[in-house]
Protein backbone atom coordinates (compact mmCIF):
# COMPACT_ATOMS: atom_id res chain seq x y z
CA MET A 1 -99.06 75.39 74.39
CA SER A 2 -95.51 74.10 74.36
CA ILE A 3 -94.67 71.44 71.83
CA LEU A 4 -93.28 69.47 74.76
CA SER A 5 -96.42 69.60 76.88
CA GLY A 6 -97.23 66.17 78.20
CA LEU A 7 -93.67 65.29 79.18
CA SER A 8 -94.78 65.55 82.81
CA SER A 9 -96.77 62.36 82.35
CA MET A 10 -93.49 60.66 81.54
CA GLY A 11 -91.64 62.07 84.53
CA LEU A 12 -89.93 64.89 82.60
CA GLY A 13 -92.13 67.82 83.58
CA LYS A 14 -89.16 70.16 84.06
CA LEU A 15 -88.47 69.97 80.35
CA GLU A 16 -91.93 70.95 79.15
CA ASP A 17 -90.92 74.62 78.83
CA ALA A 18 -87.36 73.98 77.70
CA ASP A 19 -85.88 75.77 74.68
CA ILE A 20 -85.33 73.03 72.12
CA TYR A 21 -82.44 74.90 70.47
CA SER A 22 -80.62 76.14 73.55
CA GLU A 23 -77.52 74.11 72.73
CA SER A 24 -77.16 75.87 69.38
CA GLY A 25 -76.93 79.20 71.14
CA LYS A 26 -80.42 80.63 70.67
CA PRO A 27 -80.40 84.18 72.11
CA GLY A 28 -81.84 84.45 75.56
CA SER A 29 -81.34 80.85 76.59
CA LYS A 30 -79.52 79.96 79.76
CA ASP A 31 -77.03 77.76 77.93
CA SER A 32 -76.34 80.55 75.44
CA ALA A 33 -75.47 82.92 78.28
CA GLU A 34 -73.09 80.37 79.71
CA GLN A 35 -71.43 79.97 76.31
CA GLN A 36 -70.75 83.69 75.98
CA GLU A 37 -67.15 84.70 76.29
CA LYS A 38 -66.09 85.24 79.88
CA PRO A 39 -64.64 88.63 80.89
CA PHE A 40 -60.88 88.63 80.44
CA ASP A 41 -59.02 87.75 83.64
CA GLU A 42 -55.29 88.51 83.45
CA ASN A 43 -54.69 86.31 86.47
CA GLU A 44 -55.65 83.27 84.38
CA MET A 45 -52.73 84.02 82.04
CA LEU A 46 -50.22 83.77 84.89
CA LEU A 47 -48.71 81.12 87.10
CA ASP A 48 -46.47 80.97 90.15
CA LYS A 49 -42.85 80.04 89.51
CA HIS A 50 -40.07 79.39 91.98
CA ALA A 51 -36.67 81.03 92.09
CA GLU A 52 -33.62 81.28 94.30
CA CYS A 53 -32.07 84.72 94.65
CA PRO A 54 -28.45 84.80 93.46
CA VAL A 55 -27.69 87.51 96.02
CA CYS A 56 -29.28 86.38 99.30
CA ASP A 57 -29.79 82.69 98.36
CA LYS A 58 -33.37 82.74 99.62
CA LYS A 59 -36.17 81.01 97.73
CA PHE A 60 -39.39 82.72 96.68
CA THR A 61 -42.22 82.59 94.16
CA TYR A 62 -42.97 85.10 91.45
CA ARG A 63 -45.60 85.58 88.77
CA ALA A 64 -44.84 84.60 85.19
CA VAL A 65 -46.80 84.29 81.96
CA LYS A 66 -48.02 80.82 81.05
CA THR A 67 -46.38 79.44 77.94
CA GLY A 68 -48.54 79.78 74.86
CA ARG A 69 -51.30 81.79 76.54
CA ALA A 70 -50.37 85.20 75.14
CA ARG A 71 -51.75 85.70 71.61
CA SER A 72 -49.46 87.79 69.42
CA VAL A 73 -51.05 90.51 67.30
CA GLY A 74 -47.90 91.90 65.68
CA GLN A 75 -44.92 94.13 66.39
CA ASP A 76 -44.16 97.83 66.48
CA VAL A 77 -41.52 99.18 64.12
CA ASP A 78 -38.87 98.76 66.86
CA LEU A 79 -39.79 95.08 67.33
CA ARG A 80 -41.85 95.60 70.48
CA PRO A 81 -44.18 92.58 70.60
CA LYS A 82 -47.89 93.28 70.94
CA TYR A 83 -50.43 90.88 72.37
CA ASP A 84 -54.17 90.56 72.60
CA LYS A 85 -55.81 91.88 75.80
CA PHE A 86 -52.74 92.04 78.04
CA ASP A 87 -49.04 92.86 78.07
CA PRO A 88 -46.64 90.05 79.08
CA LEU A 89 -43.77 92.56 79.15
CA LYS A 90 -45.02 93.69 82.56
CA TYR A 91 -43.88 90.39 84.05
CA ASP A 92 -40.33 90.11 82.72
CA VAL A 93 -38.60 91.55 85.79
CA ILE A 94 -38.04 89.29 88.79
CA VAL A 95 -37.66 91.00 92.16
CA CYS A 96 -36.42 89.17 95.23
CA PRO A 97 -38.87 90.04 98.03
CA HIS A 98 -36.19 89.37 100.65
CA CYS A 99 -33.27 91.56 99.55
CA GLY A 100 -34.65 93.70 96.73
CA TYR A 101 -32.34 92.51 93.95
CA ALA A 102 -34.06 92.76 90.57
CA ALA A 103 -33.27 91.66 87.03
CA MET A 104 -35.03 90.64 83.86
CA SER A 105 -35.75 86.92 83.80
CA LYS A 106 -32.96 86.07 81.34
CA TYR A 107 -30.41 87.76 83.63
CA PHE A 108 -31.73 86.51 86.97
CA VAL A 109 -29.00 83.90 87.30
CA ARG A 110 -26.00 83.10 89.47
CA LEU A 111 -23.78 86.17 89.86
CA PRO A 112 -20.01 86.41 90.36
CA ALA A 113 -18.98 86.99 93.96
CA ALA A 114 -17.86 90.54 93.17
CA GLN A 115 -21.30 91.48 91.86
CA VAL A 116 -23.05 89.82 94.80
CA LYS A 117 -20.96 91.95 97.12
CA LEU A 118 -21.85 95.12 95.21
CA VAL A 119 -25.58 94.36 95.28
CA ARG A 120 -25.54 93.51 98.96
CA GLU A 121 -23.86 96.81 99.70
CA GLY A 122 -25.90 98.96 97.33
CA ILE A 123 -29.35 97.34 97.16
CA CYS A 124 -30.06 94.95 100.04
CA GLY A 125 -31.96 96.48 102.92
CA ARG A 126 -32.63 99.68 101.01
CA VAL A 127 -35.55 98.69 98.79
CA TYR A 128 -39.18 99.21 99.77
CA GLY A 129 -42.51 99.90 98.12
CA VAL A 130 -42.19 97.29 95.35
CA ALA A 131 -45.55 95.69 94.63
CA ASN A 132 -45.80 91.93 94.72
CA ASN A 133 -49.40 91.81 93.55
CA PRO A 134 -50.79 88.74 91.75
CA VAL A 135 -51.54 90.99 88.76
CA LEU A 136 -49.26 93.91 87.98
CA SER A 137 -50.39 97.32 86.80
CA TYR A 138 -48.25 99.29 84.35
CA ASP A 139 -47.09 101.47 87.23
CA ASP A 140 -46.04 98.35 89.15
CA ALA A 141 -44.11 97.10 86.12
CA ILE A 142 -42.41 100.45 85.49
CA ARG A 143 -41.15 100.57 89.08
CA ARG A 144 -39.82 97.03 88.75
CA TYR A 145 -37.93 97.84 85.54
CA LYS A 146 -36.42 100.90 87.19
CA LEU A 147 -35.32 98.72 90.09
CA ALA A 148 -33.75 96.29 87.63
CA ILE A 149 -31.85 99.17 86.02
CA ALA A 150 -30.71 100.31 89.46
CA SER A 151 -29.46 96.78 90.17
CA CYS A 152 -27.61 96.87 86.82
CA ILE A 153 -25.88 100.09 87.81
CA VAL A 154 -24.91 98.81 91.25
CA LYS A 155 -23.57 95.44 90.05
CA LYS A 156 -21.78 97.11 87.08
CA ALA A 157 -23.60 95.00 84.52
CA LYS A 158 -22.67 94.91 80.86
CA ASP A 159 -23.93 97.77 78.72
CA SER A 160 -26.05 95.30 76.76
CA GLU A 161 -28.03 94.29 79.86
CA LYS A 162 -28.56 97.92 80.83
CA ALA A 163 -29.61 98.82 77.28
CA TYR A 164 -32.01 95.91 76.94
CA CYS A 165 -33.64 96.79 80.25
CA CYS A 166 -34.00 100.45 79.15
CA LEU A 167 -35.54 99.31 75.86
CA LYS A 168 -38.11 97.12 77.58
CA LEU A 169 -38.86 99.90 80.07
CA ALA A 170 -39.63 102.13 77.07
CA TRP A 171 -41.94 99.45 75.67
CA VAL A 172 -43.81 99.13 78.98
CA ILE A 173 -44.20 102.92 79.21
CA ARG A 174 -45.58 102.84 75.67
CA GLY A 175 -48.01 100.16 76.74
CA LYS A 176 -49.23 102.34 79.59
CA LYS A 177 -49.58 105.29 77.20
CA GLU A 178 -51.66 103.20 74.79
CA SER A 179 -53.93 102.02 77.61
CA LEU A 180 -54.46 105.52 79.03
CA PRO A 181 -58.19 106.36 79.13
CA VAL A 182 -58.80 109.39 76.92
CA ASP A 183 -61.55 110.69 79.19
CA ILE A 184 -59.39 111.30 82.27
CA PRO A 185 -59.05 115.00 83.23
CA GLU A 186 -55.27 115.15 82.81
CA TYR A 187 -55.02 113.01 79.67
CA ASP A 188 -52.96 115.44 77.55
CA GLN A 189 -50.54 116.19 80.36
CA GLU A 190 -50.09 112.53 81.27
CA ASN A 191 -49.73 111.48 77.63
CA LYS A 192 -46.97 114.05 77.07
CA LYS A 193 -45.17 112.96 80.23
CA LEU A 194 -45.27 109.31 79.18
CA SER A 195 -43.95 110.24 75.74
CA ARG A 196 -41.05 112.10 77.34
CA ASP A 197 -40.32 109.17 79.65
CA GLU A 198 -40.45 106.71 76.76
CA ASN A 199 -38.08 108.81 74.66
CA GLU A 200 -35.65 109.10 77.56
CA ALA A 201 -35.65 105.33 78.05
CA LEU A 202 -35.12 104.85 74.30
CA ARG A 203 -32.25 107.34 74.36
CA MET A 204 -30.56 105.40 77.15
CA ALA A 205 -31.16 102.13 75.28
CA PHE A 206 -29.62 103.63 72.14
CA GLU A 207 -26.53 104.78 74.04
CA GLY A 208 -26.14 101.39 75.71
CA PHE A 209 -26.49 99.37 72.51
CA ILE A 210 -23.97 101.62 70.76
CA ASN A 211 -21.48 100.96 73.57
CA ALA A 212 -22.25 97.24 73.61
CA ARG A 213 -21.81 96.97 69.84
CA GLN A 214 -18.32 98.43 70.16
CA LYS A 215 -17.19 96.41 73.19
CA GLU A 216 -19.15 93.12 73.33
CA SER A 217 -19.31 90.05 71.15
CA PHE A 218 -22.45 88.94 69.36
CA PRO A 219 -25.07 87.84 70.14
CA ILE A 220 -25.84 90.92 72.25
CA ALA A 221 -28.83 90.53 74.58
CA GLY A 222 -29.71 87.46 72.53
CA MET A 223 -29.76 89.42 69.24
CA ASP A 224 -27.50 89.11 66.22
CA GLU A 225 -25.65 91.99 64.59
CA THR A 226 -28.33 92.74 62.00
CA THR A 227 -31.10 92.92 64.59
CA ILE A 228 -29.04 95.24 66.78
CA ASP A 229 -28.28 97.47 63.80
CA TYR A 230 -31.96 97.61 62.90
CA LEU A 231 -32.90 98.54 66.47
CA LEU A 232 -30.24 101.26 66.47
CA ALA A 233 -31.61 102.60 63.19
CA VAL A 234 -35.15 102.78 64.61
CA GLN A 235 -33.99 104.41 67.82
CA ALA A 236 -31.81 106.92 65.96
CA ALA A 237 -34.77 107.88 63.78
CA ARG A 238 -37.07 108.17 66.78
CA LEU A 239 -34.53 110.46 68.48
CA GLY A 240 -34.11 112.63 65.38
CA SER A 241 -30.62 111.38 64.37
CA PHE A 242 -31.68 110.73 60.78
CA ASP A 243 -28.12 110.58 59.42
CA VAL A 244 -27.27 107.75 61.82
CA ALA A 245 -30.51 105.98 60.97
CA GLN A 246 -29.83 106.16 57.24
CA LYS A 247 -26.28 104.86 57.72
CA MET A 248 -27.49 101.85 59.73
CA ILE A 249 -30.27 101.14 57.23
CA SER A 250 -27.82 101.19 54.33
CA GLU A 251 -25.55 98.71 56.11
CA ILE A 252 -28.46 96.33 56.64
CA LEU A 253 -29.58 96.55 53.01
CA MET A 254 -26.04 95.85 51.78
CA SER A 255 -25.41 93.05 54.26
CA ARG A 256 -25.11 89.54 52.80
CA SER A 257 -25.98 87.94 56.13
CA ALA A 258 -29.23 89.87 56.68
CA ASN A 259 -32.34 87.85 55.88
CA ASN A 260 -35.16 89.09 53.63
CA ARG A 261 -37.48 89.82 56.55
CA ILE A 262 -35.12 92.27 58.26
CA LYS A 263 -34.26 93.83 54.89
CA ASP A 264 -37.96 94.41 54.23
CA ARG A 265 -38.26 96.05 57.63
CA ALA A 266 -35.23 98.20 56.81
CA ARG A 267 -36.78 99.31 53.51
CA ASN A 268 -40.01 100.26 55.25
CA LEU A 269 -38.02 102.12 57.87
CA LYS A 270 -36.08 103.94 55.15
CA ASP A 271 -39.35 105.20 53.64
CA MET A 272 -40.55 106.32 57.06
CA VAL A 273 -37.31 108.17 57.74
CA LEU A 274 -37.41 109.95 54.39
CA GLU A 275 -41.02 110.97 55.00
CA GLN A 276 -40.22 112.27 58.47
CA MET A 277 -37.23 114.19 57.16
CA LYS A 278 -39.49 115.88 54.61
CA MET A 279 -42.04 116.74 57.25
CA LYS A 280 -39.38 117.57 59.85
CA GLY A 281 -41.77 116.16 62.38
CA GLU A 282 -41.57 113.64 65.16
CA PHE A 283 -40.72 110.06 64.21
CA SER A 284 -43.27 107.58 65.50
């Protein structure tokens, strides 16, 4: 007999069989089930934002990550940010659905008339097949970054913008590679292809940042000189140019303006480079 039997005589018969401790999460209770963590829904991390295209002047909405919703879980050696459960990097390219112009959010601003003319001639009316889904897959994001790079080429953007876009494309490709199910039939083949694509994007980023460092004033792509040098060192090591990597690392360690955090990263990178040189293997 339930300890609550007799409540029906007081008008509370529905509670006679209630679990007294349901609110404290006793297993099997209805309230406990409701308190269990809901399945992750990427759509809940996003919101609609409004923009006006600097090329065709038309207004549209696009998906962006809500401020403070992405939980950081660290960085890769090349400063790629990593987050819990989803990848905000997928949403950093804005594509105008009317004319096809694309750019990373920090560069999607008013353009000089000469660049507008170039984009209208080289991009507008030619773009198709770009997903505008509420939630983007990695393939969707990769296509959008490639379109942003194409827009950079057409509008003759600075090398720093091209390089930064190539770097973030590499990061998104890496994200796809990390999320690749290991049980798919073509896993090895697809993993190798993604690694090649990532390395190619990193190579183009390296080339662009080298050019930008020689021709542009700091900050470059929002980064100071030490951060750029560190990125170049990582990319050089990844691409097998260990002499360049060591040179950049030495400059960081001897720099009076570099903070302790970046110097610690440089020391760790130096150890990794030396180890890879001994092994003569792939830097990762």
